[in-house]
Each structure stands twice: as structure tokens, then as C-alpha cells.
PDB file of N, CA and C in Angstrom:
ATOM      1  N   MET A   1      20.866  35.074  51.363  1.00  0.00           N
ATOM      2  CA  MET A   1      19.491  35.098  50.869  1.00  0.00           C
ATOM      3  C   MET A   1      19.387  36.177  49.787  1.00  0.00           C
ATOM      4  N   VAL A   2      18.783  35.804  48.649  1.00  0.00           N
ATOM      5  CA  VAL A   2      18.645  36.722  47.521  1.00  0.00           C
ATOM      6  C   VAL A   2      17.242  37.300  47.536  1.00  0.00           C
ATOM      7  N   SER A   3      17.143  38.574  47.235  1.00  0.00           N
ATOM      8  CA  SER A   3      15.832  39.210  47.211  1.00  0.00           C
ATOM      9  C   SER A   3      15.020  38.681  46.033  1.00  0.00           C
ATOM     10  N   PRO A   4      13.706  38.681  46.155  1.00  0.00           N
ATOM     11  CA  PRO A   4      12.857  38.209  45.040  1.00  0.00           C
ATOM     12  C   PRO A   4      13.083  39.005  43.749  1.00  0.00           C
ATOM     13  N   PHE A   5      13.321  40.296  43.861  1.00  0.00           N
ATOM     14  CA  PHE A   5      13.570  41.117  42.674  1.00  0.00           C
ATOM     15  C   PHE A   5      14.841  40.672  41.969  1.00  0.00           C
ATOM     16  N   LYS A   6      15.897  40.436  42.742  1.00  0.00           N
ATOM     17  CA  LYS A   6      17.173  39.997  42.174  1.00  0.00           C
ATOM     18  C   LYS A   6      17.012  38.622  41.522  1.00  0.00           C
ATOM     19  N   PHE A   7      16.268  37.752  42.179  1.00  0.00           N
ATOM     20  CA  PHE A   7      16.025  36.413  41.640  1.00  0.00           C
ATOM     21  C   PHE A   7      15.314  36.497  40.287  1.00  0.00           C
ATOM     22  N   LEU A   8      14.259  37.284  40.205  1.00  0.00           N
ATOM     23  CA  LEU A   8      13.514  37.409  38.948  1.00  0.00           C
ATOM     24  C   LEU A   8      14.380  38.031  37.853  1.00  0.00           C
ATOM     25  N   GLN A   9      15.246  38.952  38.233  1.00  0.00           N
ATOM     26  CA  GLN A   9      16.156  39.561  37.270  1.00  0.00           C
ATOM     27  C   GLN A   9      17.117  38.512  36.714  1.00  0.00           C
ATOM     28  N   GLU A  10      17.620  37.637  37.576  1.00  0.00           N
ATOM     29  CA  GLU A  10      18.528  36.579  37.132  1.00  0.00           C
ATOM     30  C   GLU A  10      17.802  35.554  36.258  1.00  0.00           C
ATOM     31  N   VAL A  11      16.564  35.259  36.603  1.00  0.00           N
ATOM     32  CA  VAL A  11      15.762  34.332  35.792  1.00  0.00           C
ATOM     33  C   VAL A  11      15.565  34.912  34.390  1.00  0.00           C
ATOM     34  N   ARG A  12      15.243  36.181  34.308  1.00  0.00           N
ATOM     35  CA  ARG A  12      15.048  36.827  33.011  1.00  0.00           C
ATOM     36  C   ARG A  12      16.334  36.791  32.187  1.00  0.00           C
ATOM     37  N   THR A  13      17.458  37.033  32.843  1.00  0.00           N
ATOM     38  CA  THR A  13      18.746  36.994  32.156  1.00  0.00           C
ATOM     39  C   THR A  13      19.029  35.595  31.607  1.00  0.00           C
ATOM     40  N   GLU A  14      18.734  34.569  32.388  1.00  0.00           N
ATOM     41  CA  GLU A  14      18.985  33.194  31.950  1.00  0.00           C
ATOM     42  C   GLU A  14      18.051  32.781  30.815  1.00  0.00           C
ATOM     43  N   THR A  15      16.790  33.203  30.867  1.00  0.00           N
ATOM     44  CA  THR A  15      15.851  32.822  29.801  1.00  0.00           C
ATOM     45  C   THR A  15      16.202  33.488  28.474  1.00  0.00           C
ATOM     46  N   GLU A  16      16.895  34.606  28.525  1.00  0.00           N
ATOM     47  CA  GLU A  16      17.330  35.238  27.280  1.00  0.00           C
ATOM     48  C   GLU A  16      18.430  34.433  26.600  1.00  0.00           C
ATOM     49  N   LYS A  17      19.115  33.581  27.351  1.00  0.00           N
ATOM     50  CA  LYS A  17      20.194  32.763  26.804  1.00  0.00           C
ATOM     51  C   LYS A  17      19.675  31.488  26.136  1.00  0.00           C
ATOM     52  N   VAL A  18      18.421  31.164  26.387  1.00  0.00           N
ATOM     53  CA  VAL A  18      17.841  29.926  25.873  1.00  0.00           C
ATOM     54  C   VAL A  18      17.616  30.038  24.371  1.00  0.00           C
ATOM     55  N   THR A  19      17.946  28.977  23.645  1.00  0.00           N
ATOM     56  CA  THR A  19      17.654  28.920  22.221  1.00  0.00           C
ATOM     57  C   THR A  19      16.304  28.222  22.048  1.00  0.00           C
ATOM     58  N   TRP A  20      15.281  28.978  21.745  1.00  0.00           N
ATOM     59  CA  TRP A  20      13.939  28.435  21.620  1.00  0.00           C
ATOM     60  C   TRP A  20      13.748  27.832  20.235  1.00  0.00           C
ATOM     61  N   PRO A  21      13.007  26.710  20.133  1.00  0.00           N
ATOM     62  CA  PRO A  21      12.773  26.105  18.812  1.00  0.00           C
ATOM     63  C   PRO A  21      11.844  26.975  17.974  1.00  0.00           C
ATOM     64  N   THR A  22      12.016  26.851  16.667  1.00  0.00           N
ATOM     65  CA  THR A  22      11.134  27.594  15.766  1.00  0.00           C
ATOM     66  C   THR A  22       9.773  26.905  15.713  1.00  0.00           C
ATOM     67  N   ARG A  23       8.816  27.579  15.130  1.00  0.00           N
ATOM     68  CA  ARG A  23       7.467  27.010  15.000  1.00  0.00           C
ATOM     69  C   ARG A  23       7.522  25.726  14.160  1.00  0.00           C
ATOM     70  N   ARG A  24       8.318  25.755  13.090  1.00  0.00           N
ATOM     71  CA  ARG A  24       8.448  24.584  12.204  1.00  0.00           C
ATOM     72  C   ARG A  24       9.053  23.400  12.953  1.00  0.00           C
ATOM     73  N   GLU A  25      10.110  23.647  13.736  1.00  0.00           N
ATOM     74  CA  GLU A  25      10.739  22.568  14.505  1.00  0.00           C
ATOM     75  C   GLU A  25       9.756  21.972  15.515  1.00  0.00           C
ATOM     76  N   THR A  26       8.968  22.829  16.147  1.00  0.00           N
ATOM     77  CA  THR A  26       7.989  22.357  17.122  1.00  0.00           C
ATOM     78  C   THR A  26       6.933  21.484  16.455  1.00  0.00           C
ATOM     79  N   ILE A  27       6.448  21.896  15.292  1.00  0.00           N
ATOM     80  CA  ILE A  27       5.428  21.121  14.575  1.00  0.00           C
ATOM     81  C   ILE A  27       6.001  19.776  14.132  1.00  0.00           C
ATOM     82  N   ILE A  28       7.216  19.783  13.588  1.00  0.00           N
ATOM     83  CA  ILE A  28       7.827  18.539  13.113  1.00  0.00           C
ATOM     84  C   ILE A  28       8.058  17.564  14.259  1.00  0.00           C
ATOM     85  N   THR A  29       8.584  18.045  15.372  1.00  0.00           N
ATOM     86  CA  THR A  29       8.839  17.131  16.491  1.00  0.00           C
ATOM     87  C   THR A  29       7.535  16.633  17.108  1.00  0.00           C
ATOM     88  N   THR A  30       6.493  17.457  17.099  1.00  0.00           N
ATOM     89  CA  THR A  30       5.189  17.012  17.605  1.00  0.00           C
ATOM     90  C   THR A  30       4.634  15.898  16.722  1.00  0.00           C
ATOM     91  N   ILE A  31       4.724  16.065  15.419  1.00  0.00           N
ATOM     92  CA  ILE A  31       4.261  15.024  14.488  1.00  0.00           C
ATOM     93  C   ILE A  31       5.073  13.752  14.683  1.00  0.00           C
ATOM     94  N   MET A  32       6.387  13.885  14.864  1.00  0.00           N
ATOM     95  CA  MET A  32       7.237  12.713  15.091  1.00  0.00           C
ATOM     96  C   MET A  32       6.818  11.965  16.354  1.00  0.00           C
ATOM     97  N   VAL A  33       6.489  12.705  17.402  1.00  0.00           N
ATOM     98  CA  VAL A  33       6.046  12.067  18.646  1.00  0.00           C
ATOM     99  C   VAL A  33       4.762  11.290  18.404  1.00  0.00           C
ATOM    100  N   PHE A  34       3.785  11.890  17.716  1.00  0.00           N
ATOM    101  CA  PHE A  34       2.523  11.196  17.453  1.00  0.00           C
ATOM    102  C   PHE A  34       2.738   9.945  16.600  1.00  0.00           C
ATOM    103  N   VAL A  35       3.601  10.024  15.605  1.00  0.00           N
ATOM    104  CA  VAL A  35       3.883   8.862  14.749  1.00  0.00           C
ATOM    105  C   VAL A  35       4.539   7.753  15.572  1.00  0.00           C
ATOM    106  N   LEU A  36       5.514   8.095  16.395  1.00  0.00           N
ATOM    107  CA  LEU A  36       6.182   7.077  17.209  1.00  0.00           C
ATOM    108  C   LEU A  36       5.240   6.465  18.246  1.00  0.00           C
ATOM    109  N   VAL A  37       4.337   7.270  18.793  1.00  0.00           N
ATOM    110  CA  VAL A  37       3.334   6.729  19.719  1.00  0.00           C
ATOM    111  C   VAL A  37       2.434   5.733  18.998  1.00  0.00           C
ATOM    112  N   LEU A  38       2.033   6.065  17.782  1.00  0.00           N
ATOM    113  CA  LEU A  38       1.197   5.165  16.983  1.00  0.00           C
ATOM    114  C   LEU A  38       1.936   3.864  16.681  1.00  0.00           C
ATOM    115  N   VAL A  39       3.204   3.970  16.279  1.00  0.00           N
ATOM    116  CA  VAL A  39       4.006   2.774  15.990  1.00  0.00           C
ATOM    117  C   VAL A  39       4.150   1.914  17.241  1.00  0.00           C
ATOM    118  N   ALA A  40       4.427   2.534  18.375  1.00  0.00           N
ATOM    119  CA  ALA A  40       4.578   1.786  19.628  1.00  0.00           C
ATOM    120  C   ALA A  40       3.259   1.109  20.009  1.00  0.00           C
ATOM    121  N   ALA A  41       2.146   1.808  19.836  1.00  0.00           N
ATOM    122  CA  ALA A  41       0.839   1.233  20.175  1.00  0.00           C
ATOM    123  C   ALA A  41       0.536   0.022  19.301  1.00  0.00           C
ATOM    124  N   ILE A  42       0.812   0.123  18.014  1.00  0.00           N
ATOM    125  CA  ILE A  42       0.581  -1.013  17.114  1.00  0.00           C
ATOM    126  C   ILE A  42       1.499  -2.171  17.477  1.00  0.00           C
ATOM    127  N   PHE A  43       2.771  -1.870  17.768  1.00  0.00           N
ATOM    128  CA  PHE A  43       3.716  -2.918  18.148  1.00  0.00           C
ATOM    129  C   PHE A  43       3.227  -3.664  19.388  1.00  0.00           C
ATOM    130  N   PHE A  44       2.847  -2.924  20.428  1.00  0.00           N
ATOM    131  CA  PHE A  44       2.408  -3.579  21.664  1.00  0.00           C
ATOM    132  C   PHE A  44       1.083  -4.312  21.482  1.00  0.00           C
ATOM    133  N   LEU A  45       0.219  -3.837  20.604  1.00  0.00           N
ATOM    134  CA  LEU A  45      -1.019  -4.554  20.296  1.00  0.00           C
ATOM    135  C   LEU A  45      -0.700  -5.907  19.669  1.00  0.00           C
ATOM    136  N   VAL A  46       0.201  -5.913  18.692  1.00  0.00           N
ATOM    137  CA  VAL A  46       0.576  -7.160  18.019  1.00  0.00           C
ATOM    138  C   VAL A  46       1.250  -8.124  18.999  1.00  0.00           C
ATOM    139  N   VAL A  47       2.192  -7.623  19.788  1.00  0.00           N
ATOM    140  CA  VAL A  47       2.887  -8.482  20.752  1.00  0.00           C
ATOM    141  C   VAL A  47       1.897  -9.033  21.774  1.00  0.00           C
ATOM    142  N   ASP A  48       0.995  -8.213  22.251  1.00  0.00           N
ATOM    143  CA  ASP A  48      -0.010  -8.663  23.225  1.00  0.00           C
ATOM    144  C   ASP A  48      -0.888  -9.759  22.636  1.00  0.00           C
ATOM    145  N   GLN A  49      -1.306  -9.598  21.383  1.00  0.00           N
ATOM    146  CA  GLN A  49      -2.149 -10.612  20.760  1.00  0.00           C
ATOM    147  C   GLN A  49      -1.380 -11.919  20.555  1.00  0.00           C
ATOM    148  N   LEU A  50      -0.096 -11.818  20.192  1.00  0.00           N
ATOM    149  CA  LEU A  50       0.721 -13.033  20.035  1.00  0.00           C
ATOM    150  C   LEU A  50       0.904 -13.754  21.363  1.00  0.00           C
ATOM    151  N   ILE A  51       1.138 -13.005  22.420  1.00  0.00           N
ATOM    152  CA  ILE A  51       1.278 -13.629  23.746  1.00  0.00           C
ATOM    153  C   ILE A  51      -0.034 -14.273  24.162  1.00  0.00           C
ATOM    154  N   ARG A  52      -1.150 -13.561  23.935  1.00  0.00           N
ATOM    155  CA  ARG A  52      -2.465 -14.129  24.273  1.00  0.00           C
ATOM    156  C   ARG A  52      -2.703 -15.427  23.506  1.00  0.00           C
ATOM    157  N   LEU A  53      -2.387 -15.431  22.220  1.00  0.00           N
ATOM    158  CA  LEU A  53      -2.567 -16.617  21.396  1.00  0.00           C
ATOM    159  C   LEU A  53      -1.696 -17.770  21.915  1.00  0.00           C
ATOM    160  N   GLY A  54      -0.449 -17.457  22.245  1.00  0.00           N
ATOM    161  CA  GLY A  54       0.448 -18.485  22.767  1.00  0.00           C
ATOM    162  C   GLY A  54      -0.024 -19.067  24.086  1.00  0.00           C
ATOM    163  N   VAL A  55      -0.455 -18.207  24.991  1.00  0.00           N
ATOM    164  CA  VAL A  55      -0.908 -18.679  26.304  1.00  0.00           C
ATOM    165  C   VAL A  55      -2.177 -19.509  26.168  1.00  0.00           C
ATOM    166  N   THR A  56      -3.142 -19.045  25.366  1.00  0.00           N
ATOM    167  CA  THR A  56      -4.374 -19.812  25.207  1.00  0.00           C
ATOM    168  C   THR A  56      -4.115 -21.148  24.516  1.00  0.00           C
ATOM    169  N   THR A  57      -3.150 -21.185  23.605  1.00  0.00           N
ATOM    170  CA  THR A  57      -2.809 -22.457  22.932  1.00  0.00           C
ATOM    171  C   THR A  57      -2.150 -23.408  23.927  1.00  0.00           C
ATOM    172  N   ILE A  58      -1.216 -22.906  24.716  1.00  0.00           N
ATOM    173  CA  ILE A  58      -0.515 -23.769  25.684  1.00  0.00           C
ATOM    174  C   ILE A  58      -1.476 -24.276  26.744  1.00  0.00           C
ATOM    175  N   LEU A  59      -2.368 -23.428  27.252  1.00  0.00           N
ATOM    176  CA  LEU A  59      -3.267 -23.835  28.300  1.00  0.00           C
ATOM    177  C   LEU A  59      -4.522 -24.535  27.765  1.00  0.00           C
ATOM    178  N   GLY A  60      -4.740 -24.445  26.480  1.00  0.00           N
ATOM    179  CA  GLY A  60      -5.895 -25.118  25.880  1.00  0.00           C
ATOM    180  C   GLY A  60      -7.216 -24.532  26.275  1.00  0.00           C
ATOM    181  N   ILE A  61      -7.271 -23.219  26.453  1.00  0.00           N
ATOM    182  CA  ILE A  61      -8.527 -22.579  26.842  1.00  0.00           C
ATOM    183  C   ILE A  61      -9.007 -21.673  25.714  1.00  0.00           C
ATOM    184  N   GLY A  62     -10.267 -21.373  25.737  1.00  0.00           N
ATOM    185  CA  GLY A  62     -10.844 -20.430  24.788  1.00  0.00           C
ATOM    186  C   GLY A  62     -11.095 -20.980  23.408  1.00  0.00           C
ATOM    187  N   GLY A  63     -11.136 -22.273  23.243  1.00  0.00           N
ATOM    188  CA  GLY A  63     -11.329 -22.732  21.891  1.00  0.00           C
ATOM    189  C   GLY A  63     -12.049 -23.992  21.851  1.00  0.00           C
TER     190      GLY A  63
END
């Protein structure tokens, strides 16, 4: 069993080894995430509308 003090000391040592992203890298990757979310949302909207159109045409409803 490790003491809480020793544990926190080891955690601090490990976090010093981490390579943290720069502010610029964080902003760029955040923008990339938002753009990809937008692209995915538009893609699924189009696919959903095409499926809806196909199903309503095959079943002959809604028109």
C-alpha cells in the first residue's frame, strides 16, 4: 500500500513528462473537430432525406 503523499508525488512526476499541446495546436484541432462535425451532420442529413424519399416512393405514401 502506497501512502497518499507518495502517490501524489508520483503523479506530479508523471505529469511533468507529458507533452502538452500548444495553444495554437489546441485551437486548430478544436476547429477541425467542429468542421468535421458539421460535415458529418450534413452527410447524415442528406442520407436520411434520400432514405426517406426512397421509402415513401416505394410505399407510395405521403404524396
